[in-house]
Amino acid sequence: MKIVYYVVPLLFVFEIQAQKLRTTQPTNYLREGPASYFQIIGMIPAQVDVLKLDQKGSWLKVKTDENDIGWLSENSFVVRGGSGTRDQEMVKGKASSRASRAELAAAVKGFGKKYVEGSEELGEDISKYSSPAITPDDMEKFEHSFTIEPYSGSMNIEKPFDIFFHEEAIGLGIAQKIAKQKGLVDDPTATRYINLIGNYLSRYTKAYDLGFRFYILNDERASAFACPGGYIFITKGIFKVCNNEAELAAIIAHEMSHITQRHGLKELKKSEAKIKAEQAFAELEEETGPMSEEEKELEEYAAAAYNNLIAPRLLEYEIEADKLAMLYLRRAGYDPTALLNVLSRLQEAPKTMPDIFDDNYMKKDEFSQRLATVNAIVRSEGYRSSSSKQFAERYRQYTAGVR
């Protein structure tokens, strides 16, 4: 009988210690582990109560009202203006507080398919290029190769990042369209490598819970760009310009900055379109079903985002992305001067640099101004180029098939 008197109080104490929290962001991905490369269990909308069980870094282990246990980021509970107003019925027929992984995939792929079917040519299924998946063991080994001095510096241009479900669908539609136009490189070793670098870097951004995806484009010209929702493309030509991992990381960090700052969407008049875009997912039917008015609005929004993506780059956004890229590199333990090195090389060989869609990537004087700004940051911050040429051998090993 005594054992009952000991066990019940312990359970009672546990329930008291477990903290109840309420989600605040429009889209909150519940993951299997405390990092964005872990599989998504489901999506929890704003204004849903969960029970906090544990915490690891910026990730909280929680239990939902449906008894699902997983990890949410601290971002999910930050109160910001305009958060928490999202329609909770993200997927048709789903009225509970959680949308499952399968339902999310169906909604995202459903729009992606409809978007590219509305164009002159079908898109390419890019999911097969995401394998092999990044595992916790992969990331742990990769992270252990860095010796990082704690650095928590920030820039006033760095903004909070909220995840919006419709941006992932838009990004997938655009990514599939571009993949069809240019073609992707089927090199599992190099693809896994850039995903390791990118997922490692993402920890040091405001969008650490987004779940970035990285692909290699079959284009010999050196370029890179990012789509909404975390889809990033690196061309084959980039691997020939970079000499080591730090320089490749600099290119990746620059593109990640475009996403965290939402440069691809800033020029759009999206207030009304955004509202209708979110409503579209409550109206999704079968993947092959007809488009509703809301879905057509979402398609127009995606088309505008695509056109903005392939337009000549704005100098203001390029400089902002360069500044944040150097900050991300420093936080992650990479040499920040790697960005200056690779940009200098690109300027010396301008024929390698045009945008993959338009030769008018950036005017020569604008590129010079961009390079001068990066040079000034290097001097003002006292950055010194690493003599070790960071991870040059690892870079050569993993990119041999694409150089």
Protein backbone atom coordinates (compact mmCIF):
# COMPACT_ATOMS: atom_id res chain seq x y z
CA MET A 1 0.00 0.00 0.00
CA LYS A 2 2.82 2.42 0.70
CA ILE A 3 3.91 2.48 -2.91
CA VAL A 4 0.65 4.17 -3.87
CA TYR A 5 1.35 7.08 -1.56
CA TYR A 6 4.74 7.65 -3.18
CA VAL A 7 3.78 7.29 -6.86
CA VAL A 8 0.69 9.50 -6.91
CA PRO A 9 2.42 12.57 -5.43
CA LEU A 10 5.24 12.22 -7.97
CA LEU A 11 2.78 12.19 -10.85
CA PHE A 12 0.98 15.15 -9.34
CA VAL A 13 4.25 17.10 -9.07
CA PHE A 14 5.10 16.29 -12.71
CA GLU A 15 1.78 17.68 -13.94
CA ILE A 16 2.31 20.85 -11.93
CA GLN A 17 5.83 21.34 -13.27
CA ALA A 18 4.75 20.82 -16.90
CA GLN A 19 4.05 24.31 -18.24
CA LYS A 20 1.05 25.09 -20.42
CA LEU A 21 1.89 27.29 -23.41
CA ARG A 22 -0.19 28.72 -26.27
CA THR A 23 1.02 28.95 -29.86
CA THR A 24 1.06 32.43 -31.37
CA GLN A 25 2.32 31.97 -34.93
CA PRO A 26 0.22 31.20 -38.03
CA THR A 27 2.07 27.96 -38.78
CA ASN A 28 3.92 25.85 -36.20
CA TYR A 29 5.57 22.63 -37.35
CA LEU A 30 5.62 19.88 -34.72
CA ARG A 31 8.78 17.85 -35.40
CA GLU A 32 10.15 14.51 -34.26
CA GLY A 33 13.29 16.11 -32.82
CA PRO A 34 14.79 19.47 -31.78
CA ALA A 35 15.96 20.73 -35.20
CA SER A 36 14.40 21.69 -38.52
CA TYR A 37 15.82 18.67 -40.36
CA PHE A 38 13.68 16.27 -38.30
CA GLN A 39 10.49 14.97 -39.90
CA ILE A 40 7.30 16.96 -39.41
CA ILE A 41 4.67 15.19 -37.31
CA GLY A 42 2.00 17.77 -38.04
CA MET A 43 1.13 21.45 -38.15
CA ILE A 44 -0.39 23.34 -35.22
CA PRO A 45 -2.07 26.71 -35.92
CA ALA A 46 -2.12 29.74 -33.64
CA GLN A 47 -3.99 29.91 -30.33
CA VAL A 48 -3.60 26.22 -29.46
CA ASP A 49 -2.57 25.13 -25.95
CA VAL A 50 0.24 22.59 -25.54
CA LEU A 51 2.04 21.19 -22.52
CA LYS A 52 5.78 21.86 -22.30
CA LEU A 53 7.67 18.73 -21.21
CA ASP A 54 11.31 19.64 -21.82
CA GLN A 55 13.59 22.10 -23.63
CA LYS A 56 16.77 21.75 -25.67
CA GLY A 57 18.27 25.01 -26.86
CA SER A 58 15.63 26.92 -28.82
CA TRP A 59 13.34 23.90 -29.09
CA LEU A 60 10.58 22.82 -26.69
CA LYS A 61 9.31 19.28 -26.27
CA VAL A 62 5.53 19.48 -26.01
CA LYS A 63 2.41 17.36 -25.72
CA THR A 64 -0.70 18.33 -27.69
CA ASP A 65 -4.36 17.93 -26.76
CA GLU A 66 -4.39 14.92 -29.09
CA ASN A 67 -1.53 13.35 -27.07
CA ASP A 68 1.04 13.86 -29.82
CA ILE A 69 4.52 14.45 -28.42
CA GLY A 70 7.04 16.40 -30.48
CA TRP A 71 9.17 19.53 -30.67
CA LEU A 72 8.17 23.12 -31.40
CA SER A 73 10.53 26.06 -31.73
CA GLU A 74 10.54 29.00 -29.33
CA ASN A 75 9.35 31.06 -32.30
CA SER A 76 5.99 29.31 -31.94
CA PHE A 77 5.29 31.15 -28.69
CA VAL A 78 6.63 34.64 -29.37
CA VAL A 79 3.95 37.32 -29.40
CA ARG A 80 4.26 39.60 -32.43
CA GLY A 81 1.86 42.00 -34.07
CA GLY A 82 -0.45 40.35 -36.55
CA SER A 83 0.22 36.81 -35.36
CA GLY A 84 -2.43 34.31 -34.44
CA THR A 85 -5.17 35.43 -36.85
CA ARG A 86 -4.84 32.54 -39.27
CA ASP A 87 -7.83 30.38 -40.17
CA GLN A 88 -7.30 27.12 -38.30
CA GLU A 89 -8.88 24.94 -40.99
CA MET A 90 -5.72 24.68 -43.08
CA VAL A 91 -6.80 21.56 -44.93
CA LYS A 92 -10.33 20.78 -46.07
CA GLY A 93 -12.23 18.65 -43.58
CA LYS A 94 -9.69 19.19 -40.81
CA ALA A 95 -11.28 20.92 -37.84
CA SER A 96 -8.97 19.70 -35.08
CA SER A 97 -6.00 21.57 -33.64
CA ARG A 98 -3.47 19.66 -35.75
CA ALA A 99 -3.04 18.89 -39.42
CA SER A 100 -1.15 15.66 -40.08
CA ARG A 101 2.04 15.29 -42.13
CA ALA A 102 0.10 13.54 -44.90
CA GLU A 103 -2.51 16.29 -45.06
CA LEU A 104 0.15 18.98 -45.22
CA ALA A 105 2.00 17.16 -47.99
CA ALA A 106 -1.22 16.70 -49.96
CA ALA A 107 -2.09 20.39 -49.68
CA VAL A 108 1.38 21.61 -50.64
CA LYS A 109 1.84 19.13 -53.49
CA GLY A 110 -1.72 19.72 -54.65
CA PHE A 111 -1.11 23.40 -55.22
CA GLY A 112 2.37 22.80 -56.62
CA LYS A 113 0.93 20.45 -59.21
CA LYS A 114 -1.91 22.80 -60.13
CA TYR A 115 0.43 25.75 -60.43
CA VAL A 116 2.85 24.11 -62.85
CA GLU A 117 0.01 22.50 -64.83
CA GLY A 118 -1.23 26.02 -65.48
CA SER A 119 2.05 26.88 -67.20
CA GLU A 120 3.28 25.95 -70.66
CA GLU A 121 5.35 23.05 -69.37
CA LEU A 122 4.99 20.66 -66.49
CA GLY A 123 7.24 20.92 -63.48
CA GLU A 124 9.66 18.31 -62.26
CA ASP A 125 9.10 16.34 -59.07
CA ILE A 126 12.04 17.54 -56.97
CA SER A 127 11.38 15.28 -53.99
CA LYS A 128 13.65 12.53 -55.34
CA TYR A 129 16.58 14.95 -55.24
CA SER A 130 16.13 15.49 -51.51
CA SER A 131 17.48 12.05 -50.68
CA PRO A 132 19.43 10.79 -48.92
CA ALA A 133 17.79 12.52 -45.99
CA ILE A 134 19.88 14.30 -43.39
CA THR A 135 19.92 12.22 -40.23
CA PRO A 136 20.68 13.33 -36.65
CA ASP A 137 23.90 11.28 -36.79
CA ASP A 138 24.94 13.06 -40.01
CA MET A 139 24.42 16.47 -38.44
CA GLU A 140 26.12 15.54 -35.17
CA LYS A 141 29.27 14.43 -36.98
CA PHE A 142 29.20 17.52 -39.18
CA GLU A 143 28.73 19.90 -36.24
CA HIS A 144 31.59 18.32 -34.31
CA SER A 145 34.03 19.43 -37.03
CA PHE A 146 33.61 23.05 -35.92
CA THR A 147 35.30 24.87 -33.07
CA ILE A 148 33.03 27.80 -32.36
CA GLU A 149 33.73 30.72 -30.10
CA PRO A 150 30.36 31.88 -28.73
CA TYR A 151 29.12 34.87 -30.68
CA SER A 152 25.63 36.28 -30.23
CA GLY A 153 26.03 39.49 -32.20
CA SER A 154 23.15 40.79 -34.28
CA MET A 155 22.30 43.43 -36.88
CA ASN A 156 19.42 45.86 -36.79
CA ILE A 157 18.39 44.69 -40.26
CA GLU A 158 17.77 41.15 -38.95
CA LYS A 159 14.03 40.62 -38.61
CA PRO A 160 11.92 37.99 -36.82
CA PHE A 161 10.75 35.19 -39.09
CA ASP A 162 7.27 33.67 -39.05
CA ILE A 163 6.41 30.58 -41.09
CA PHE A 164 3.47 30.85 -43.48
CA PHE A 165 2.14 27.60 -44.89
CA HIS A 166 1.10 29.11 -48.23
CA GLU A 167 4.68 30.27 -48.90
CA GLU A 168 5.88 26.66 -48.90
CA ALA A 169 3.26 25.73 -51.48
CA ILE A 170 4.18 28.72 -53.62
CA GLY A 171 7.87 27.90 -53.26
CA LEU A 172 7.34 24.30 -54.30
CA GLY A 173 5.37 25.33 -57.37
CA ILE A 174 8.09 27.77 -58.41
CA ALA A 175 10.89 25.31 -57.61
CA GLN A 176 9.32 22.56 -59.72
CA LYS A 177 8.87 24.96 -62.62
CA ILE A 178 12.50 26.08 -62.47
CA ALA A 179 13.76 22.52 -62.06
CA LYS A 180 11.96 21.59 -65.27
CA GLN A 181 13.39 24.59 -67.13
CA LYS A 182 17.02 24.10 -66.15
CA GLY A 183 17.25 20.51 -64.89
CA LEU A 184 18.65 19.22 -61.61
CA VAL A 185 21.89 17.36 -60.98
CA ASP A 186 21.33 13.87 -59.59
CA ASP A 187 24.42 13.67 -57.37
CA PRO A 188 23.41 12.32 -53.92
CA THR A 189 26.83 13.02 -52.38
CA ALA A 190 26.98 16.69 -53.37
CA THR A 191 23.27 17.21 -52.65
CA ARG A 192 23.65 15.74 -49.17
CA TYR A 193 26.71 17.93 -48.62
CA ILE A 194 24.98 21.22 -49.43
CA ASN A 195 22.03 20.17 -47.26
CA LEU A 196 24.39 19.52 -44.35
CA ILE A 197 25.97 22.96 -44.77
CA GLY A 198 22.61 24.67 -45.19
CA ASN A 199 20.89 22.96 -42.27
CA TYR A 200 23.88 23.71 -40.07
CA LEU A 201 23.83 27.39 -41.06
CA SER A 202 20.07 27.61 -40.51
CA ARG A 203 20.59 27.15 -36.77
CA TYR A 204 22.14 30.60 -36.67
CA THR A 205 19.30 32.39 -38.49
CA LYS A 206 15.91 33.67 -37.35
CA ALA A 207 14.35 31.00 -39.58
CA TYR A 208 16.01 28.08 -37.77
CA ASP A 209 12.68 26.22 -37.63
CA LEU A 210 11.72 26.59 -41.30
CA GLY A 211 13.35 23.52 -42.81
CA PHE A 212 15.44 24.68 -45.78
CA ARG A 213 15.93 22.42 -48.84
CA PHE A 214 18.88 22.67 -51.21
CA TYR A 215 19.27 21.51 -54.82
CA ILE A 216 21.92 21.61 -57.53
CA LEU A 217 20.90 23.10 -60.87
CA ASN A 218 22.41 21.77 -64.07
CA ASP A 219 23.81 25.12 -65.23
CA GLU A 220 27.50 25.75 -65.88
CA ARG A 221 27.16 29.45 -65.10
CA ALA A 222 27.81 30.42 -61.50
CA SER A 223 24.63 31.54 -59.82
CA ALA A 224 22.30 30.76 -56.94
CA PHE A 225 18.85 31.85 -55.87
CA ALA A 226 16.10 31.18 -53.36
CA CYS A 227 12.35 30.53 -53.61
CA PRO A 228 9.76 31.31 -50.92
CA GLY A 229 9.34 28.60 -48.31
CA GLY A 230 13.02 27.67 -48.07
CA TYR A 231 13.87 26.17 -51.49
CA ILE A 232 17.42 27.12 -52.53
CA PHE A 233 19.20 26.31 -55.81
CA ILE A 234 22.96 26.28 -56.39
CA THR A 235 24.22 25.90 -59.96
CA LYS A 236 27.04 23.58 -61.00
CA GLY A 237 29.04 26.65 -61.96
CA ILE A 238 29.25 27.76 -58.33
CA PHE A 239 31.28 24.69 -57.41
CA LYS A 240 33.92 25.65 -59.97
CA VAL A 241 34.22 29.18 -58.56
CA CYS A 242 34.46 28.18 -54.88
CA ASN A 243 37.76 26.86 -53.54
CA ASN A 244 36.63 25.58 -50.14
CA GLU A 245 33.63 24.88 -47.94
CA ALA A 246 33.60 28.32 -46.32
CA GLU A 247 33.13 29.97 -49.73
CA LEU A 248 30.30 27.60 -50.63
CA ALA A 249 28.76 28.28 -47.21
CA ALA A 250 28.98 32.01 -47.97
CA ILE A 251 26.94 31.56 -51.16
CA ILE A 252 24.38 29.44 -49.32
CA ALA A 253 24.18 31.90 -46.41
CA HIS A 254 23.58 34.75 -48.86
CA GLU A 255 20.62 32.94 -50.42
CA MET A 256 19.23 32.01 -47.00
CA SER A 257 19.31 35.70 -46.13
CA HIS A 258 17.04 36.46 -49.07
CA ILE A 259 14.50 34.05 -47.56
CA THR A 260 14.80 35.20 -43.96
CA GLN A 261 14.35 38.82 -45.12
CA ARG A 262 11.60 37.81 -47.56
CA HIS A 263 13.22 39.74 -50.41
CA GLY A 264 11.39 37.70 -53.04
CA LEU A 265 8.02 38.78 -51.68
CA LYS A 266 8.66 42.33 -50.52
CA GLU A 267 7.87 43.93 -53.85
CA LEU A 268 4.47 42.27 -54.09
CA LYS A 269 1.22 43.93 -53.09
CA LYS A 270 0.30 40.95 -51.04
CA SER A 271 -2.05 41.99 -48.26
CA GLU A 272 -5.25 40.87 -50.00
CA ALA A 273 -3.56 38.05 -51.89
CA LYS A 274 -2.05 36.71 -48.68
CA ILE A 275 -5.43 36.46 -46.97
CA LYS A 276 -6.93 34.66 -49.93
CA ALA A 277 -3.84 32.47 -50.22
CA GLU A 278 -4.37 31.18 -46.71
CA GLN A 279 -8.07 30.59 -47.34
CA ALA A 280 -7.20 28.53 -50.40
CA PHE A 281 -6.02 25.61 -48.31
CA ALA A 282 -9.44 25.32 -46.69
CA GLU A 283 -10.85 24.88 -50.20
CA LEU A 284 -8.42 22.31 -51.59
CA GLU A 285 -10.16 19.36 -53.21
CA GLU A 286 -8.53 16.39 -54.90
CA GLU A 287 -5.16 17.16 -56.52
CA THR A 288 -6.75 16.93 -59.96
CA GLY A 289 -9.88 18.89 -59.00
CA PRO A 290 -10.79 22.28 -60.42
CA MET A 291 -9.24 25.47 -59.05
CA SER A 292 -11.43 27.55 -56.76
CA GLU A 293 -11.42 31.34 -56.92
CA GLU A 294 -9.15 31.37 -53.85
CA GLU A 295 -6.72 28.97 -55.50
CA LYS A 296 -6.65 31.12 -58.62
CA GLU A 297 -5.73 34.08 -56.43
CA LEU A 298 -2.96 31.97 -54.90
CA GLU A 299 -1.78 31.03 -58.40
CA GLU A 300 -1.58 34.73 -59.33
CA TYR A 301 0.38 35.39 -56.15
CA ALA A 302 2.80 32.58 -57.03
CA ALA A 303 3.19 33.89 -60.58
CA ALA A 304 4.04 37.34 -59.23
CA ALA A 305 6.58 35.80 -56.84
CA TYR A 306 8.13 33.85 -59.72
CA ASN A 307 8.40 36.94 -61.93
CA ASN A 308 9.97 38.86 -59.07
CA LEU A 309 12.45 36.03 -58.51
CA ILE A 310 13.77 36.06 -62.07
CA ALA A 311 13.92 39.86 -62.38
CA PRO A 312 17.30 41.61 -62.14
CA ARG A 313 18.51 41.67 -58.56
CA LEU A 314 18.01 44.81 -56.50
CA LEU A 315 21.29 46.17 -55.15
CA GLU A 316 19.67 47.05 -51.82
CA TYR A 317 18.63 43.44 -51.23
CA GLU A 318 21.96 42.01 -52.38
CA ILE A 319 23.90 44.19 -49.94
CA GLU A 320 21.52 43.33 -47.10
CA ALA A 321 21.89 39.62 -47.87
CA ASP A 322 25.69 39.98 -47.94
CA LYS A 323 25.68 41.63 -44.51
CA LEU A 324 23.53 38.92 -42.95
CA ALA A 325 25.48 36.15 -44.69
CA MET A 326 28.68 37.30 -43.00
CA LEU A 327 26.88 37.38 -39.65
CA TYR A 328 25.58 33.83 -40.17
CA LEU A 329 29.07 32.65 -41.16
CA ARG A 330 30.61 34.14 -38.03
CA ARG A 331 27.97 32.64 -35.76
CA ALA A 332 28.46 29.21 -37.33
CA GLY A 333 32.25 29.22 -37.09
CA TYR A 334 33.03 29.84 -40.76
CA ASP A 335 35.47 32.48 -41.99
CA PRO A 336 33.31 35.56 -42.83
CA THR A 337 35.91 36.80 -45.33
CA ALA A 338 35.04 33.80 -47.50
CA LEU A 339 32.20 35.86 -48.96
CA LEU A 340 34.61 38.61 -49.99
CA ASN A 341 36.94 36.05 -51.56
CA VAL A 342 34.28 34.37 -53.68
CA LEU A 343 32.66 37.68 -54.73
CA SER A 344 36.07 39.01 -55.81
CA ARG A 345 36.57 35.93 -57.93
CA LEU A 346 33.15 36.32 -59.50
CA GLN A 347 33.88 39.95 -60.37
CA GLU A 348 37.12 38.96 -62.06
CA ALA A 349 35.24 36.48 -64.24
CA PRO A 350 31.97 38.28 -65.06
CA LYS A 351 31.01 35.80 -67.76
CA THR A 352 30.45 33.19 -65.07
CA MET A 353 28.03 35.38 -63.16
CA PRO A 354 24.95 36.22 -65.24
CA ASP A 355 21.60 35.24 -63.82
CA ILE A 356 20.38 31.89 -65.10
CA PHE A 357 17.26 33.51 -66.56
CA ASP A 358 18.52 36.88 -67.69
CA ASP A 359 21.90 38.25 -68.71
CA ASN A 360 21.06 41.47 -66.87
CA TYR A 361 21.88 39.96 -63.46
CA MET A 362 23.52 43.08 -62.05
CA LYS A 363 25.22 46.05 -63.63
CA LYS A 364 29.00 46.12 -63.34
CA ASP A 365 29.05 49.29 -61.25
CA GLU A 366 26.40 47.87 -58.91
CA PHE A 367 28.44 44.71 -58.41
CA SER A 368 31.48 46.85 -57.65
CA GLN A 369 29.47 48.77 -55.07
CA ARG A 370 28.34 45.51 -53.51
CA LEU A 371 31.92 44.28 -53.31
CA ALA A 372 33.08 47.57 -51.79
CA THR A 373 30.42 47.29 -49.08
CA VAL A 374 31.53 43.77 -48.15
CA ASN A 375 35.15 44.95 -48.09
CA ALA A 376 34.20 47.79 -45.74
CA ILE A 377 32.45 45.36 -43.37
CA VAL A 378 35.51 43.12 -43.30
CA ARG A 379 37.68 46.07 -42.30
CA SER A 380 35.27 47.53 -39.75
CA GLU A 381 34.69 44.18 -38.04
CA GLY A 382 38.36 43.30 -38.07
CA TYR A 383 37.82 40.02 -39.90
CA ARG A 384 40.99 38.21 -40.93
CA SER A 385 41.11 35.64 -43.69
CA SER A 386 41.72 32.12 -42.43
CA SER A 387 45.07 30.77 -43.58
CA SER A 388 43.78 27.20 -43.24
CA LYS A 389 41.41 27.58 -46.22
CA GLN A 390 38.63 26.13 -44.16
CA PHE A 391 37.65 22.55 -45.00
CA ALA A 392 39.17 22.69 -48.48
CA GLU A 393 39.82 18.95 -48.58
CA ARG A 394 36.30 18.06 -47.45
CA TYR A 395 34.96 20.41 -50.11
CA ARG A 396 36.99 18.75 -52.88
CA GLN A 397 35.94 15.29 -51.71
CA TYR A 398 32.19 15.89 -51.62
CA THR A 399 31.92 18.05 -54.74
CA ALA A 400 34.17 16.05 -57.07
CA GLY A 401 31.18 14.87 -59.09
CA VAL A 402 29.89 18.37 -59.89
CA ARG A 403 33.12 20.34 -60.47
